[in-house]
PDB file of N, CA and C in Angstrom:
ATOM      1  N   MET A   1     -11.177  -3.328  -8.435  1.00  0.00           N
ATOM      2  CA  MET A   1     -10.470  -2.910  -7.441  1.00  0.00           C
ATOM      3  C   MET A   1      -8.915  -3.915  -7.284  1.00  0.00           C
ATOM      4  N   ARG A   2      -9.421  -5.331  -7.713  1.00  0.00           N
ATOM      5  CA  ARG A   2      -8.481  -6.294  -7.643  1.00  0.00           C
ATOM      6  C   ARG A   2      -7.287  -5.895  -8.280  1.00  0.00           C
ATOM      7  N   TYR A   3      -8.003  -5.708  -9.237  1.00  0.00           N
ATOM      8  CA  TYR A   3      -6.181  -5.380 -10.326  1.00  0.00           C
ATOM      9  C   TYR A   3      -5.855  -4.102 -10.261  1.00  0.00           C
ATOM     10  N   ILE A   4      -6.254  -3.123  -9.099  1.00  0.00           N
ATOM     11  CA  ILE A   4      -5.669  -1.998  -9.253  1.00  0.00           C
ATOM     12  C   ILE A   4      -4.397  -2.523  -8.032  1.00  0.00           C
ATOM     13  N   SER A   5      -5.254  -2.943  -7.093  1.00  0.00           N
ATOM     14  CA  SER A   5      -4.125  -3.475  -6.037  1.00  0.00           C
ATOM     15  C   SER A   5      -3.098  -4.381  -6.208  1.00  0.00           C
ATOM     16  N   LEU A   6      -3.546  -5.276  -7.362  1.00  0.00           N
ATOM     17  CA  LEU A   6      -2.422  -5.945  -8.006  1.00  0.00           C
ATOM     18  C   LEU A   6      -1.678  -5.352  -8.738  1.00  0.00           C
ATOM     19  N   LEU A   7      -1.965  -4.258  -9.655  1.00  0.00           N
ATOM     20  CA  LEU A   7      -0.901  -3.336 -10.512  1.00  0.00           C
ATOM     21  C   LEU A   7      -0.011  -2.663  -9.522  1.00  0.00           C
ATOM     22  N   ILE A   8      -0.551  -1.950  -8.389  1.00  0.00           N
ATOM     23  CA  ILE A   8       0.397  -1.391  -7.336  1.00  0.00           C
ATOM     24  C   ILE A   8       1.552  -2.480  -6.685  1.00  0.00           C
ATOM     25  N   PHE A   9       1.096  -4.071  -6.319  1.00  0.00           N
ATOM     26  CA  PHE A   9       2.381  -4.517  -6.135  1.00  0.00           C
ATOM     27  C   PHE A   9       3.047  -4.837  -7.333  1.00  0.00           C
ATOM     28  N   LEU A  10       2.639  -5.158  -7.831  1.00  0.00           N
ATOM     29  CA  LEU A  10       3.670  -5.129  -8.964  1.00  0.00           C
ATOM     30  C   LEU A  10       4.589  -4.255  -9.658  1.00  0.00           C
ATOM     31  N   SER A  11       4.405  -2.736  -9.154  1.00  0.00           N
ATOM     32  CA  SER A  11       4.703  -1.533  -9.312  1.00  0.00           C
ATOM     33  C   SER A  11       6.163  -1.425  -8.128  1.00  0.00           C
ATOM     34  N   ILE A  12       5.372  -2.018  -7.142  1.00  0.00           N
ATOM     35  CA  ILE A  12       6.546  -2.178  -6.490  1.00  0.00           C
ATOM     36  C   ILE A  12       7.468  -2.934  -6.242  1.00  0.00           C
ATOM     37  N   ILE A  13       7.164  -4.127  -6.874  1.00  0.00           N
ATOM     38  CA  ILE A  13       8.610  -4.977  -6.607  1.00  0.00           C
ATOM     39  C   ILE A  13       9.058  -4.807  -8.007  1.00  0.00           C
ATOM     40  N   VAL A  14       8.662  -4.045  -8.948  1.00  0.00           N
ATOM     41  CA  VAL A  14       9.731  -4.216 -10.479  1.00  0.00           C
ATOM     42  C   VAL A  14      10.485  -3.024 -10.195  1.00  0.00           C
ATOM     43  N   LEU A  15      10.227  -1.511  -9.563  1.00  0.00           N
ATOM     44  CA  LEU A  15      10.875  -0.501  -9.978  1.00  0.00           C
ATOM     45  C   LEU A  15      11.546  -0.224  -9.387  1.00  0.00           C
ATOM     46  N   PRO A  16      11.841  -0.813  -7.893  1.00  0.00           N
ATOM     47  CA  PRO A  16      12.698  -0.432  -7.662  1.00  0.00           C
ATOM     48  C   PRO A  16      14.525  -0.999  -8.202  1.00  0.00           C
ATOM     49  N   GLY A  17      14.087  -2.127  -8.636  1.00  0.00           N
ATOM     50  CA  GLY A  17      15.157  -2.795 -10.244  1.00  0.00           C
ATOM     51  C   GLY A  17      16.016  -1.682 -10.900  1.00  0.00           C
ATOM     52  N   CYS A  18      14.655  -0.826 -11.221  1.00  0.00           N
ATOM     53  CA  CYS A  18      14.836  -0.024 -12.008  1.00  0.00           C
ATOM     54  C   CYS A  18      15.779   1.717 -11.574  1.00  0.00           C
ATOM     55  N   ALA A  19      15.662   1.340 -10.263  1.00  0.00           N
ATOM     56  CA  ALA A  19      16.585   2.593 -10.214  1.00  0.00           C
ATOM     57  C   ALA A  19      17.755   3.078 -10.877  1.00  0.00           C
ATOM     58  N   ASP A  20      18.873   2.431 -10.962  1.00  0.00           N
ATOM     59  CA  ASP A  20      19.586   3.094 -11.580  1.00  0.00           C
ATOM     60  C   ASP A  20      20.216   2.200 -12.653  1.00  0.00           C
ATOM     61  N   PRO A  21      19.532   2.110 -13.838  1.00  0.00           N
ATOM     62  CA  PRO A  21      20.105   1.445 -15.442  1.00  0.00           C
ATOM     63  C   PRO A  21      20.801   1.573 -14.928  1.00  0.00           C
ATOM     64  N   TYR A  22      22.152   2.299 -15.269  1.00  0.00           N
ATOM     65  CA  TYR A  22      23.452   2.751 -15.710  1.00  0.00           C
ATOM     66  C   TYR A  22      24.400   1.678 -14.724  1.00  0.00           C
ATOM     67  N   ARG A  23      23.511   1.443 -13.652  1.00  0.00           N
ATOM     68  CA  ARG A  23      24.706   1.356 -12.243  1.00  0.00           C
ATOM     69  C   ARG A  23      24.624  -0.818 -12.686  1.00  0.00           C
ATOM     70  N   ASN A  24      23.471  -0.729 -12.972  1.00  0.00           N
ATOM     71  CA  ASN A  24      23.022  -2.312 -13.178  1.00  0.00           C
ATOM     72  C   ASN A  24      23.784  -2.602 -14.950  1.00  0.00           C
ATOM     73  N   LEU A  25      24.132  -2.031 -15.688  1.00  0.00           N
ATOM     74  CA  LEU A  25      23.898  -2.220 -17.213  1.00  0.00           C
ATOM     75  C   LEU A  25      25.928  -2.150 -16.780  1.00  0.00           C
ATOM     76  N   TYR A  26      26.162  -1.360 -16.063  1.00  0.00           N
ATOM     77  CA  TYR A  26      28.303  -1.447 -15.872  1.00  0.00           C
ATOM     78  C   TYR A  26      28.467  -2.674 -15.160  1.00  0.00           C
ATOM     79  N   GLU A  27      27.491  -2.913 -13.874  1.00  0.00           N
ATOM     80  CA  GLU A  27      27.860  -4.533 -12.868  1.00  0.00           C
ATOM     81  C   GLU A  27      28.129  -5.498 -13.808  1.00  0.00           C
ATOM     82  N   GLY A  28      26.227  -5.543 -15.005  1.00  0.00           N
ATOM     83  CA  GLY A  28      26.440  -6.055 -15.684  1.00  0.00           C
ATOM     84  C   GLY A  28      27.733  -6.804 -16.767  1.00  0.00           C
ATOM     85  N   MET A  29      27.917  -5.547 -16.891  1.00  0.00           N
ATOM     86  CA  MET A  29      28.777  -5.736 -18.291  1.00  0.00           C
ATOM     87  C   MET A  29      30.076  -6.388 -17.606  1.00  0.00           C
ATOM     88  N   GLN A  30      30.648  -5.823 -16.436  1.00  0.00           N
ATOM     89  CA  GLN A  30      32.144  -5.963 -15.677  1.00  0.00           C
ATOM     90  C   GLN A  30      31.383  -7.616 -15.166  1.00  0.00           C
ATOM     91  N   LYS A  31      30.430  -8.202 -14.717  1.00  0.00           N
ATOM     92  CA  LYS A  31      30.446 -10.063 -14.293  1.00  0.00           C
ATOM     93  C   LYS A  31      30.798 -10.726 -15.923  1.00  0.00           C
ATOM     94  N   ARG A  32      29.926  -9.771 -17.181  1.00  0.00           N
ATOM     95  CA  ARG A  32      30.455 -10.784 -18.102  1.00  0.00           C
ATOM     96  C   ARG A  32      30.969 -11.133 -19.041  1.00  0.00           C
ATOM     97  N   GLU A  33      32.137  -9.821 -18.478  1.00  0.00           N
ATOM     98  CA  GLU A  33      33.676  -9.919 -18.805  1.00  0.00           C
ATOM     99  C   GLU A  33      34.659 -10.984 -18.362  1.00  0.00           C
ATOM    100  N   GLY A  34      33.841 -11.053 -16.535  1.00  0.00           N
ATOM    101  CA  GLY A  34      34.303 -11.427 -15.721  1.00  0.00           C
ATOM    102  C   GLY A  34      34.416 -12.987 -16.180  1.00  0.00           C
ATOM    103  N   ILE A  35      32.730 -13.758 -16.568  1.00  0.00           N
ATOM    104  CA  ILE A  35      32.654 -14.694 -17.162  1.00  0.00           C
ATOM    105  C   ILE A  35      33.351 -15.350 -18.538  1.00  0.00           C
ATOM    106  N   ALA A  36      33.326 -13.853 -19.440  1.00  0.00           N
ATOM    107  CA  ALA A  36      33.857 -14.684 -20.545  1.00  0.00           C
ATOM    108  C   ALA A  36      35.244 -14.387 -20.698  1.00  0.00           C
ATOM    109  N   ASN A  37      36.268 -14.203 -19.730  1.00  0.00           N
ATOM    110  CA  ASN A  37      37.731 -13.581 -19.823  1.00  0.00           C
ATOM    111  C   ASN A  37      38.465 -13.843 -18.201  1.00  0.00           C
ATOM    112  N   PRO A  38      37.873 -14.783 -18.121  1.00  0.00           N
ATOM    113  CA  PRO A  38      38.322 -14.782 -15.857  1.00  0.00           C
ATOM    114  C   PRO A  38      39.962 -14.852 -16.352  1.00  0.00           C
ATOM    115  N   VAL A  39      40.385 -15.459 -17.051  1.00  0.00           N
ATOM    116  CA  VAL A  39      42.146 -14.905 -16.335  1.00  0.00           C
ATOM    117  C   VAL A  39      42.646 -13.506 -16.769  1.00  0.00           C
ATOM    118  N   ALA A  40      42.062 -13.113 -17.914  1.00  0.00           N
ATOM    119  CA  ALA A  40      42.634 -12.064 -18.362  1.00  0.00           C
ATOM    120  C   ALA A  40      42.244 -10.704 -17.766  1.00  0.00           C
ATOM    121  N   LYS A  41      41.186 -10.829 -16.794  1.00  0.00           N
ATOM    122  CA  LYS A  41      40.882  -9.382 -15.978  1.00  0.00           C
ATOM    123  C   LYS A  41      40.388 -10.106 -15.044  1.00  0.00           C
ATOM    124  N   PRO A  42      41.526 -10.474 -14.019  1.00  0.00           N
ATOM    125  CA  PRO A  42      41.128 -10.496 -12.416  1.00  0.00           C
ATOM    126  C   PRO A  42      39.899  -9.830 -12.247  1.00  0.00           C
ATOM    127  N   ALA A  43      38.851 -10.155 -10.629  1.00  0.00           N
ATOM    128  CA  ALA A  43      37.900  -9.802 -11.086  1.00  0.00           C
ATOM    129  C   ALA A  43      38.115  -8.007  -9.649  1.00  0.00           C
ATOM    130  N   GLN A  44      39.685  -8.668  -8.792  1.00  0.00           N
ATOM    131  CA  GLN A  44      39.853  -7.564  -8.034  1.00  0.00           C
ATOM    132  C   GLN A  44      40.423  -6.123  -8.796  1.00  0.00           C
ATOM    133  N   ASP A  45      40.599  -6.099  -9.886  1.00  0.00           N
ATOM    134  CA  ASP A  45      41.151  -5.320 -10.866  1.00  0.00           C
ATOM    135  C   ASP A  45      40.084  -4.222 -11.525  1.00  0.00           C
ATOM    136  N   ASN A  46      38.510  -4.681 -11.479  1.00  0.00           N
ATOM    137  CA  ASN A  46      37.343  -4.015 -11.852  1.00  0.00           C
ATOM    138  C   ASN A  46      37.161  -2.847 -11.046  1.00  0.00           C
ATOM    139  N   VAL A  47      36.839  -2.231 -11.846  1.00  0.00           N
ATOM    140  CA  VAL A  47      36.931  -0.297 -11.049  1.00  0.00           C
ATOM    141  C   VAL A  47      34.783  -0.696 -10.521  1.00  0.00           C
ATOM    142  N   PRO A  48      35.200  -0.108  -9.076  1.00  0.00           N
ATOM    143  CA  PRO A  48      33.437  -0.106  -8.683  1.00  0.00           C
ATOM    144  C   PRO A  48      32.899   0.642  -9.417  1.00  0.00           C
ATOM    145  N   TYR A  49      31.096   1.080  -9.690  1.00  0.00           N
ATOM    146  CA  TYR A  49      30.667   1.950 -10.374  1.00  0.00           C
ATOM    147  C   TYR A  49      30.507   3.269 -10.111  1.00  0.00           C
ATOM    148  N   ASP A  50      30.672   3.779  -8.704  1.00  0.00           N
ATOM    149  CA  ASP A  50      30.711   4.639  -7.862  1.00  0.00           C
ATOM    150  C   ASP A  50      32.267   5.247  -8.286  1.00  0.00           C
ATOM    151  N   GLN A  51      33.643   4.964  -7.804  1.00  0.00           N
ATOM    152  CA  GLN A  51      34.175   5.221  -8.586  1.00  0.00           C
ATOM    153  C   GLN A  51      34.254   5.774 -10.464  1.00  0.00           C
ATOM    154  N   TYR A  52      33.738   4.317 -11.162  1.00  0.00           N
ATOM    155  CA  TYR A  52      33.824   5.109 -12.348  1.00  0.00           C
ATOM    156  C   TYR A  52      32.871   5.968 -12.589  1.00  0.00           C
ATOM    157  N   LYS A  53      32.093   6.173 -12.271  1.00  0.00           N
ATOM    158  CA  LYS A  53      30.982   7.707 -11.960  1.00  0.00           C
ATOM    159  C   LYS A  53      31.371   9.049 -11.417  1.00  0.00           C
ATOM    160  N   ALA A  54      32.053   8.597 -10.429  1.00  0.00           N
ATOM    161  CA  ALA A  54      33.159   9.718 -10.143  1.00  0.00           C
ATOM    162  C   ALA A  54      33.943  10.878 -11.385  1.00  0.00           C
ATOM    163  N   GLU A  55      35.044   9.368 -11.905  1.00  0.00           N
ATOM    164  CA  GLU A  55      35.511   9.679 -12.163  1.00  0.00           C
ATOM    165  C   GLU A  55      34.971  10.463 -14.233  1.00  0.00           C
ATOM    166  N   ARG A  56      34.124   9.705 -14.459  1.00  0.00           N
ATOM    167  CA  ARG A  56      33.466  10.474 -15.633  1.00  0.00           C
ATOM    168  C   ARG A  56      32.653  11.420 -15.867  1.00  0.00           C
ATOM    169  N   ASP A  57      32.090  11.878 -14.328  1.00  0.00           N
ATOM    170  CA  ASP A  57      31.738  13.106 -14.349  1.00  0.00           C
ATOM    171  C   ASP A  57      32.692  14.476 -14.186  1.00  0.00           C
ATOM    172  N   ARG A  58      34.201  13.735 -13.413  1.00  0.00           N
ATOM    173  CA  ARG A  58      34.699  15.105 -13.235  1.00  0.00           C
ATOM    174  C   ARG A  58      35.586  14.659 -14.954  1.00  0.00           C
ATOM    175  N   LEU A  59      35.941  13.928 -15.982  1.00  0.00           N
ATOM    176  CA  LEU A  59      35.854  14.243 -17.196  1.00  0.00           C
ATOM    177  C   LEU A  59      35.007  14.588 -17.981  1.00  0.00           C
ATOM    178  N   GLN A  60      33.868  14.425 -18.042  1.00  0.00           N
ATOM    179  CA  GLN A  60      32.652  15.245 -18.294  1.00  0.00           C
ATOM    180  C   GLN A  60      32.692  16.912 -18.148  1.00  0.00           C
ATOM    181  N   GLN A  61      33.120  16.665 -16.329  1.00  0.00           N
ATOM    182  CA  GLN A  61      32.615  18.362 -16.660  1.00  0.00           C
ATOM    183  C   GLN A  61      33.848  19.181 -16.858  1.00  0.00           C
ATOM    184  N   LYS A  62      35.084  18.277 -16.635  1.00  0.00           N
ATOM    185  CA  LYS A  62      36.199  19.296 -17.489  1.00  0.00           C
ATOM    186  C   LYS A  62      36.612  19.892 -18.820  1.00  0.00           C
ATOM    187  N   ALA A  63      35.904  18.650 -19.927  1.00  0.00           N
ATOM    188  CA  ALA A  63      35.644  18.951 -21.280  1.00  0.00           C
ATOM    189  C   ALA A  63      34.657  19.771 -21.598  1.00  0.00           C
ATOM    190  N   SER A  64      33.491  20.169 -20.000  1.00  0.00           N
ATOM    191  CA  SER A  64      33.190  21.139 -20.709  1.00  0.00           C
ATOM    192  C   SER A  64      33.195  22.667 -20.612  1.00  0.00           C
ATOM    193  N   GLU A  65      34.177  22.608 -19.498  1.00  0.00           N
ATOM    194  CA  GLU A  65      34.467  23.753 -19.529  1.00  0.00           C
ATOM    195  C   GLU A  65      35.462  24.321 -20.066  1.00  0.00           C
ATOM    196  N   ASN A  66      36.534  23.246 -20.880  1.00  0.00           N
ATOM    197  CA  ASN A  66      37.511  23.793 -22.160  1.00  0.00           C
ATOM    198  C   ASN A  66      37.021  22.678 -22.952  1.00  0.00           C
ATOM    199  N   PRO A  67      35.834  23.292 -24.074  1.00  0.00           N
ATOM    200  CA  PRO A  67      36.036  22.698 -24.938  1.00  0.00           C
ATOM    201  C   PRO A  67      36.289  22.370 -26.274  1.00  0.00           C
ATOM    202  N   HIS A  68      37.433  22.847 -26.258  1.00  0.00           N
ATOM    203  CA  HIS A  68      38.624  23.066 -27.635  1.00  0.00           C
ATOM    204  C   HIS A  68      39.785  21.716 -27.429  1.00  0.00           C
ATOM    205  N   GLY A  69      39.161  21.281 -26.041  1.00  0.00           N
ATOM    206  CA  GLY A  69      41.011  20.424 -25.002  1.00  0.00           C
ATOM    207  C   GLY A  69      42.050  21.518 -24.156  1.00  0.00           C
ATOM    208  N   SER A  70      43.024  20.992 -23.787  1.00  0.00           N
ATOM    209  CA  SER A  70      43.573  21.200 -23.253  1.00  0.00           C
ATOM    210  C   SER A  70      44.744  22.191 -23.981  1.00  0.00           C
ATOM    211  N   ASP A  71      44.656  22.918 -25.408  1.00  0.00           N
ATOM    212  CA  ASP A  71      45.251  24.039 -26.178  1.00  0.00           C
ATOM    213  C   ASP A  71      44.338  25.319 -26.222  1.00  0.00           C
ATOM    214  N   PRO A  72      43.986  26.247 -25.113  1.00  0.00           N
ATOM    215  CA  PRO A  72      43.653  27.290 -25.165  1.00  0.00           C
ATOM    216  C   PRO A  72      43.673  28.291 -26.724  1.00  0.00           C
ATOM    217  N   ALA A  73      44.243  28.352 -27.868  1.00  0.00           N
ATOM    218  CA  ALA A  73      44.462  28.992 -28.598  1.00  0.00           C
ATOM    219  C   ALA A  73      43.809  28.328 -29.729  1.00  0.00           C
ATOM    220  N   ASN A  74      42.987  27.089 -29.275  1.00  0.00           N
ATOM    221  CA  ASN A  74      42.097  26.568 -30.476  1.00  0.00           C
ATOM    222  C   ASN A  74      40.857  27.270 -30.366  1.00  0.00           C
TER     223      ASN A  74
END
């Protein structure tokens, strides 16, 4: 019983960090880039993940509607 409660406790603490791994990856890459090149890319120019994801989803939907590019004759 003791091990089960410990397992449940650890699961409750660890799992929320995995809620959106793509967000964590994106934000981690933004932070790493800011540290590696502080002059090249100011922090205020970084796009928030929600805006990035919305734009990415919009472009993927557009690409799936027209798989041959912008020219419908192809």
